[in-house]
């Protein structure tokens, strides 16, 4: 069900989330933390787009 590319996308999301939490709580740079946290939905969006594109190309 999950491919290697799916795990890489999830890994990128997790790294982005952890980096954002680190910037917020440890460093205290709230602006950079918010900017980094905005990457999470963007990475998910790209992942969904590429997943749907791959599924549609296999069916045709």
C-alpha atoms as a PDB file:
ATOM      1  CA  UNK A   1       0.000   0.000   0.000  1.00  0.00           C
ATOM      2  CA  UNK A   2       2.727   2.477   0.942  1.00  0.00           C
ATOM      3  CA  UNK A   3       5.573   3.070  -1.463  1.00  0.00           C
ATOM      4  CA  UNK A   4       9.028   4.329  -0.667  1.00  0.00           C
ATOM      5  CA  UNK A   5       8.085   7.772  -1.990  1.00  0.00           C
ATOM      6  CA  UNK A   6       5.181   7.964   0.489  1.00  0.00           C
ATOM      7  CA  UNK A   7       7.567   7.398   3.361  1.00  0.00           C
ATOM      8  CA  UNK A   8       9.881  10.137   2.075  1.00  0.00           C
ATOM      9  CA  UNK A   9       6.972  12.583   1.959  1.00  0.00           C
ATOM     10  CA  UNK A  10       5.937  11.657   5.493  1.00  0.00           C
ATOM     11  CA  UNK A  11       9.546  11.980   6.628  1.00  0.00           C
ATOM     12  CA  UNK A  12       9.747  15.470   5.126  1.00  0.00           C
ATOM     13  CA  UNK A  13       6.537  16.440   6.929  1.00  0.00           C
ATOM     14  CA  UNK A  14       7.795  15.085  10.239  1.00  0.00           C
ATOM     15  CA  UNK A  15      11.136  16.881   9.871  1.00  0.00           C
ATOM     16  CA  UNK A  16       9.341  20.130   9.067  1.00  0.00           C
ATOM     17  CA  UNK A  17       7.027  19.761  12.053  1.00  0.00           C
ATOM     18  CA  UNK A  18       9.867  18.948  14.454  1.00  0.00           C
ATOM     19  CA  UNK A  19      11.928  21.854  13.134  1.00  0.00           C
ATOM     20  CA  UNK A  20       8.978  24.181  13.625  1.00  0.00           C
ATOM     21  CA  UNK A  21       8.428  22.978  17.193  1.00  0.00           C
ATOM     22  CA  UNK A  22      12.152  23.370  17.921  1.00  0.00           C
ATOM     23  CA  UNK A  23      12.156  26.926  16.603  1.00  0.00           C
ATOM     24  CA  UNK A  24       9.037  27.791  18.602  1.00  0.00           C
ATOM     25  CA  UNK A  25       9.840  26.228  21.976  1.00  0.00           C
ATOM     26  CA  UNK A  26      13.639  26.026  22.152  1.00  0.00           C
ATOM     27  CA  UNK A  27      14.935  28.905  20.057  1.00  0.00           C
ATOM     28  CA  UNK A  28      11.955  31.190  20.657  1.00  0.00           C
ATOM     29  CA  UNK A  29      11.885  32.488  17.092  1.00  0.00           C
ATOM     30  CA  UNK A  30       8.133  32.435  16.564  1.00  0.00           C
ATOM     31  CA  UNK A  31       8.179  34.020  13.095  1.00  0.00           C
ATOM     32  CA  UNK A  32      10.522  31.363  11.694  1.00  0.00           C
ATOM     33  CA  UNK A  33       8.508  28.648  13.451  1.00  0.00           C
ATOM     34  CA  UNK A  34       5.270  29.791  11.825  1.00  0.00           C
ATOM     35  CA  UNK A  35       6.976  30.018   8.432  1.00  0.00           C
ATOM     36  CA  UNK A  36       8.371  26.502   8.807  1.00  0.00           C
ATOM     37  CA  UNK A  37       5.034  25.110   9.987  1.00  0.00           C
ATOM     38  CA  UNK A  38       3.438  26.343   6.762  1.00  0.00           C
ATOM     39  CA  UNK A  39       5.595  23.841   4.884  1.00  0.00           C
ATOM     40  CA  UNK A  40       3.658  20.902   6.346  1.00  0.00           C
ATOM     41  CA  UNK A  41       0.421  21.343   4.329  1.00  0.00           C
ATOM     42  CA  UNK A  42       2.443  22.334   1.264  1.00  0.00           C
ATOM     43  CA  UNK A  43       4.472  19.117   1.404  1.00  0.00           C
ATOM     44  CA  UNK A  44       1.282  17.093   1.910  1.00  0.00           C
ATOM     45  CA  UNK A  45      -0.293  18.885  -1.058  1.00  0.00           C
ATOM     46  CA  UNK A  46       2.623  18.078  -3.344  1.00  0.00           C
ATOM     47  CA  UNK A  47       2.609  14.494  -2.109  1.00  0.00           C
ATOM     48  CA  UNK A  48      -1.098  14.082  -2.832  1.00  0.00           C
ATOM     49  CA  UNK A  49      -0.690  15.639  -6.269  1.00  0.00           C
ATOM     50  CA  UNK A  50       2.126  13.286  -7.244  1.00  0.00           C
ATOM     51  CA  UNK A  51       0.287  10.275  -5.791  1.00  0.00           C
ATOM     52  CA  UNK A  52      -2.893  11.056  -7.756  1.00  0.00           C
ATOM     53  CA  UNK A  53      -0.852  11.714 -10.905  1.00  0.00           C
ATOM     54  CA  UNK A  54       0.855   8.347 -10.562  1.00  0.00           C
ATOM     55  CA  UNK A  55      -2.458   6.562  -9.985  1.00  0.00           C
ATOM     56  CA  UNK A  56      -4.093   8.201 -12.983  1.00  0.00           C
ATOM     57  CA  UNK A  57      -1.169   7.432 -15.271  1.00  0.00           C
ATOM     58  CA  UNK A  58      -1.290   3.747 -14.329  1.00  0.00           C
ATOM     59  CA  UNK A  59      -5.005   3.470 -15.159  1.00  0.00           C
ATOM     60  CA  UNK A  60      -4.720   4.880 -18.670  1.00  0.00           C
END
